[in-house]
Amino acid sequence: MGGDRHIQFHLIEEEYTADNGVFDEDDTRVCRCKVALQRLSDADRRLFILYADIGSVRKMSQILGVSKSTVQNRVTEIRRKIIELMS
């Protein structure tokens, strides 16, 4: 990622994983989700947060320069890991 994109992503990542921020709720599901995100590998967390921010497999595949199926498979696997970590 370029310098500006890296800075923007860093700020987005902080919102999703910080103790206070966009998910500043007492809901136990939110707390479990934040813990699960923090337990993912850096690469998985970054990819998932990028997906959450962009919301489009097609756009992500264009940005990352990989096929839509590759992005979809990784996002599906990461979602499975998050669900597993939350249980």
N, C-alpha and C. Protein backbone atom coordinates (compact mmCIF):
# COMPACT_ATOMS: atom_id res chain seq x y z
N MET A 1 0.84 -1.18 0.00
CA MET A 1 0.00 0.00 0.00
C MET A 1 0.88 1.24 0.00
N GLY A 2 0.39 2.29 -0.64
CA GLY A 2 1.13 3.54 -0.65
C GLY A 2 1.09 4.19 0.72
N GLY A 3 1.90 5.23 0.90
CA GLY A 3 1.99 5.90 2.19
C GLY A 3 0.66 6.41 2.70
N ASP A 4 -0.08 7.15 1.84
CA ASP A 4 -1.38 7.68 2.26
C ASP A 4 -2.37 6.56 2.57
N ARG A 5 -2.39 5.55 1.72
CA ARG A 5 -3.30 4.42 1.96
C ARG A 5 -2.95 3.71 3.25
N HIS A 6 -1.64 3.58 3.52
CA HIS A 6 -1.21 2.89 4.73
C HIS A 6 -1.66 3.68 5.96
N ILE A 7 -1.53 4.99 5.92
CA ILE A 7 -1.97 5.82 7.04
C ILE A 7 -3.47 5.71 7.22
N GLN A 8 -4.22 5.79 6.11
CA GLN A 8 -5.68 5.67 6.19
C GLN A 8 -6.07 4.31 6.75
N PHE A 9 -5.44 3.24 6.28
CA PHE A 9 -5.77 1.91 6.77
C PHE A 9 -5.46 1.80 8.25
N HIS A 10 -4.35 2.35 8.67
CA HIS A 10 -3.95 2.29 10.07
C HIS A 10 -5.04 2.92 10.95
N LEU A 11 -5.58 4.05 10.51
CA LEU A 11 -6.64 4.71 11.27
C LEU A 11 -7.92 3.86 11.29
N ILE A 12 -8.24 3.25 10.17
CA ILE A 12 -9.42 2.37 10.11
C ILE A 12 -9.22 1.18 11.03
N GLU A 13 -8.03 0.57 11.00
CA GLU A 13 -7.75 -0.58 11.85
C GLU A 13 -7.88 -0.20 13.31
N GLU A 14 -7.42 0.97 13.69
CA GLU A 14 -7.54 1.42 15.07
C GLU A 14 -9.00 1.52 15.50
N GLU A 15 -9.87 1.99 14.59
CA GLU A 15 -11.29 2.10 14.92
C GLU A 15 -11.89 0.74 15.24
N TYR A 16 -11.49 -0.28 14.49
CA TYR A 16 -12.07 -1.61 14.67
C TYR A 16 -11.49 -2.37 15.85
N THR A 17 -10.27 -2.03 16.27
CA THR A 17 -9.63 -2.83 17.30
C THR A 17 -9.36 -2.09 18.60
N ALA A 18 -9.51 -0.78 18.63
CA ALA A 18 -9.21 0.00 19.84
C ALA A 18 -10.22 -0.28 20.94
N ASP A 19 -9.78 -0.04 22.17
CA ASP A 19 -10.69 -0.20 23.31
C ASP A 19 -11.86 0.76 23.22
N ASN A 20 -11.62 1.95 22.73
CA ASN A 20 -12.68 2.93 22.52
C ASN A 20 -12.72 3.25 21.03
N GLY A 21 -13.90 3.47 20.51
CA GLY A 21 -13.99 3.81 19.10
C GLY A 21 -15.35 3.44 18.55
N VAL A 22 -15.34 3.04 17.29
CA VAL A 22 -16.58 2.77 16.58
C VAL A 22 -17.40 1.67 17.28
N PHE A 23 -16.74 0.75 17.95
CA PHE A 23 -17.43 -0.33 18.65
C PHE A 23 -17.35 -0.13 20.16
N ASP A 24 -17.57 1.06 20.62
CA ASP A 24 -17.48 1.39 22.04
C ASP A 24 -18.82 1.08 22.71
N GLU A 25 -19.13 -0.21 22.83
CA GLU A 25 -20.39 -0.64 23.43
C GLU A 25 -20.10 -1.67 24.51
N ASP A 26 -21.07 -1.84 25.39
CA ASP A 26 -20.93 -2.84 26.45
C ASP A 26 -21.44 -4.21 26.01
N ASP A 27 -21.95 -4.31 24.82
CA ASP A 27 -22.48 -5.55 24.29
C ASP A 27 -21.38 -6.62 24.28
N THR A 28 -21.64 -7.77 24.90
CA THR A 28 -20.61 -8.81 24.98
C THR A 28 -20.23 -9.34 23.60
N ARG A 29 -21.17 -9.32 22.65
CA ARG A 29 -20.83 -9.78 21.30
C ARG A 29 -19.80 -8.87 20.66
N VAL A 30 -19.93 -7.57 20.90
CA VAL A 30 -18.96 -6.62 20.35
C VAL A 30 -17.59 -6.86 20.99
N CYS A 31 -17.57 -7.06 22.28
CA CYS A 31 -16.30 -7.33 22.97
C CYS A 31 -15.66 -8.61 22.44
N ARG A 32 -16.45 -9.66 22.26
CA ARG A 32 -15.90 -10.93 21.74
C ARG A 32 -15.40 -10.76 20.31
N CYS A 33 -16.10 -9.96 19.53
CA CYS A 33 -15.68 -9.71 18.15
C CYS A 33 -14.35 -8.96 18.13
N LYS A 34 -14.20 -7.95 18.97
CA LYS A 34 -12.95 -7.20 19.03
C LYS A 34 -11.79 -8.10 19.45
N VAL A 35 -12.03 -8.95 20.43
CA VAL A 35 -10.98 -9.89 20.87
C VAL A 35 -10.62 -10.84 19.73
N ALA A 36 -11.63 -11.33 19.02
CA ALA A 36 -11.39 -12.24 17.89
C ALA A 36 -10.57 -11.54 16.81
N LEU A 37 -10.89 -10.29 16.49
CA LEU A 37 -10.13 -9.54 15.50
C LEU A 37 -8.67 -9.39 15.93
N GLN A 38 -8.46 -9.12 17.21
CA GLN A 38 -7.10 -8.95 17.71
C GLN A 38 -6.31 -10.25 17.68
N ARG A 39 -7.00 -11.38 17.73
CA ARG A 39 -6.32 -12.69 17.74
C ARG A 39 -6.00 -13.20 16.34
N LEU A 40 -6.55 -12.56 15.31
CA LEU A 40 -6.22 -12.96 13.94
C LEU A 40 -4.79 -12.56 13.62
N SER A 41 -4.22 -13.20 12.62
CA SER A 41 -2.90 -12.76 12.16
C SER A 41 -3.04 -11.35 11.60
N ASP A 42 -1.93 -10.63 11.53
CA ASP A 42 -1.96 -9.26 10.99
C ASP A 42 -2.55 -9.25 9.58
N ALA A 43 -2.13 -10.19 8.75
CA ALA A 43 -2.60 -10.23 7.36
C ALA A 43 -4.10 -10.48 7.30
N ASP A 44 -4.60 -11.44 8.08
CA ASP A 44 -6.04 -11.73 8.07
C ASP A 44 -6.84 -10.55 8.61
N ARG A 45 -6.36 -9.94 9.68
CA ARG A 45 -7.07 -8.80 10.27
C ARG A 45 -7.13 -7.64 9.28
N ARG A 46 -6.02 -7.34 8.63
CA ARG A 46 -5.99 -6.24 7.67
C ARG A 46 -6.91 -6.51 6.48
N LEU A 47 -6.88 -7.74 5.98
CA LEU A 47 -7.74 -8.08 4.86
C LEU A 47 -9.21 -7.98 5.24
N PHE A 48 -9.56 -8.47 6.42
CA PHE A 48 -10.95 -8.45 6.85
C PHE A 48 -11.41 -7.01 7.11
N ILE A 49 -10.58 -6.20 7.71
CA ILE A 49 -10.95 -4.81 7.97
C ILE A 49 -11.08 -4.05 6.65
N LEU A 50 -10.21 -4.33 5.71
CA LEU A 50 -10.33 -3.72 4.39
C LEU A 50 -11.66 -4.11 3.75
N TYR A 51 -12.01 -5.39 3.87
CA TYR A 51 -13.29 -5.86 3.33
C TYR A 51 -14.46 -5.16 4.03
N ALA A 52 -14.38 -5.04 5.35
CA ALA A 52 -15.45 -4.38 6.09
C ALA A 52 -15.59 -2.92 5.67
N ASP A 53 -14.48 -2.28 5.39
CA ASP A 53 -14.50 -0.88 5.00
C ASP A 53 -14.98 -0.69 3.56
N ILE A 54 -14.51 -1.53 2.65
CA ILE A 54 -14.87 -1.40 1.24
C ILE A 54 -16.22 -2.05 0.96
N GLY A 55 -16.45 -3.23 1.54
CA GLY A 55 -17.73 -3.91 1.38
C GLY A 55 -17.96 -4.54 0.02
N SER A 56 -16.92 -4.72 -0.76
CA SER A 56 -17.08 -5.28 -2.09
C SER A 56 -15.91 -6.19 -2.44
N VAL A 57 -16.22 -7.43 -2.74
CA VAL A 57 -15.19 -8.38 -3.16
C VAL A 57 -14.59 -7.93 -4.48
N ARG A 58 -15.43 -7.43 -5.38
CA ARG A 58 -14.95 -6.98 -6.69
C ARG A 58 -13.95 -5.84 -6.54
N LYS A 59 -14.29 -4.84 -5.73
CA LYS A 59 -13.37 -3.71 -5.54
C LYS A 59 -12.07 -4.15 -4.88
N MET A 60 -12.19 -5.06 -3.91
CA MET A 60 -10.97 -5.55 -3.24
C MET A 60 -10.08 -6.30 -4.22
N SER A 61 -10.69 -7.11 -5.09
CA SER A 61 -9.88 -7.86 -6.05
C SER A 61 -9.14 -6.92 -6.98
N GLN A 62 -9.78 -5.80 -7.34
CA GLN A 62 -9.12 -4.81 -8.19
C GLN A 62 -7.97 -4.13 -7.45
N ILE A 63 -8.21 -3.75 -6.21
CA ILE A 63 -7.18 -3.07 -5.40
C ILE A 63 -5.98 -3.99 -5.17
N LEU A 64 -6.27 -5.26 -4.82
CA LEU A 64 -5.21 -6.20 -4.48
C LEU A 64 -4.58 -6.88 -5.70
N GLY A 65 -5.26 -6.78 -6.85
CA GLY A 65 -4.73 -7.40 -8.06
C GLY A 65 -4.82 -8.91 -8.06
N VAL A 66 -5.87 -9.45 -7.42
CA VAL A 66 -6.11 -10.89 -7.40
C VAL A 66 -7.55 -11.15 -7.86
N SER A 67 -7.87 -12.40 -8.09
CA SER A 67 -9.20 -12.74 -8.57
C SER A 67 -10.27 -12.54 -7.49
N LYS A 68 -11.50 -12.35 -7.94
CA LYS A 68 -12.61 -12.21 -6.99
C LYS A 68 -12.76 -13.47 -6.16
N SER A 69 -12.57 -14.63 -6.77
CA SER A 69 -12.73 -15.87 -6.01
C SER A 69 -11.67 -16.01 -4.92
N THR A 70 -10.46 -15.53 -5.18
CA THR A 70 -9.42 -15.56 -4.16
C THR A 70 -9.81 -14.70 -2.97
N VAL A 71 -10.29 -13.49 -3.24
CA VAL A 71 -10.72 -12.60 -2.17
C VAL A 71 -11.89 -13.23 -1.42
N GLN A 72 -12.88 -13.74 -2.15
CA GLN A 72 -14.05 -14.33 -1.51
C GLN A 72 -13.67 -15.51 -0.63
N ASN A 73 -12.78 -16.36 -1.11
CA ASN A 73 -12.35 -17.51 -0.32
C ASN A 73 -11.64 -17.08 0.96
N ARG A 74 -10.76 -16.07 0.87
CA ARG A 74 -10.04 -15.60 2.06
C ARG A 74 -11.00 -14.96 3.06
N VAL A 75 -11.91 -14.13 2.58
CA VAL A 75 -12.87 -13.48 3.47
C VAL A 75 -13.75 -14.52 4.15
N THR A 76 -14.19 -15.52 3.42
CA THR A 76 -15.00 -16.59 3.99
C THR A 76 -14.23 -17.34 5.07
N GLU A 77 -12.97 -17.64 4.81
CA GLU A 77 -12.13 -18.34 5.79
C GLU A 77 -11.91 -17.48 7.04
N ILE A 78 -11.67 -16.20 6.85
CA ILE A 78 -11.47 -15.31 7.98
C ILE A 78 -12.75 -15.18 8.80
N ARG A 79 -13.88 -15.09 8.14
CA ARG A 79 -15.16 -15.03 8.86
C ARG A 79 -15.35 -16.29 9.70
N ARG A 80 -14.99 -17.44 9.13
CA ARG A 80 -15.09 -18.70 9.88
C ARG A 80 -14.21 -18.66 11.12
N LYS A 81 -12.98 -18.13 10.96
CA LYS A 81 -12.07 -18.02 12.10
C LYS A 81 -12.65 -17.10 13.18
N ILE A 82 -13.21 -15.99 12.76
CA ILE A 82 -13.79 -15.04 13.73
C ILE A 82 -14.93 -15.70 14.49
N ILE A 83 -15.81 -16.39 13.80
CA ILE A 83 -16.93 -17.08 14.45
C ILE A 83 -16.40 -18.11 15.43
N GLU A 84 -15.38 -18.84 15.02
CA GLU A 84 -14.77 -19.86 15.88
C GLU A 84 -14.16 -19.21 17.13
N LEU A 85 -13.46 -18.11 16.93
CA LEU A 85 -12.82 -17.42 18.06
C LEU A 85 -13.85 -16.79 18.99
N MET A 86 -15.02 -16.45 18.49
CA MET A 86 -16.04 -15.82 19.31
C MET A 86 -16.82 -16.83 20.14
N SER A 87 -16.75 -18.12 19.77
CA SER A 87 -17.54 -19.09 20.52
C SER A 87 -16.85 -19.60 21.75
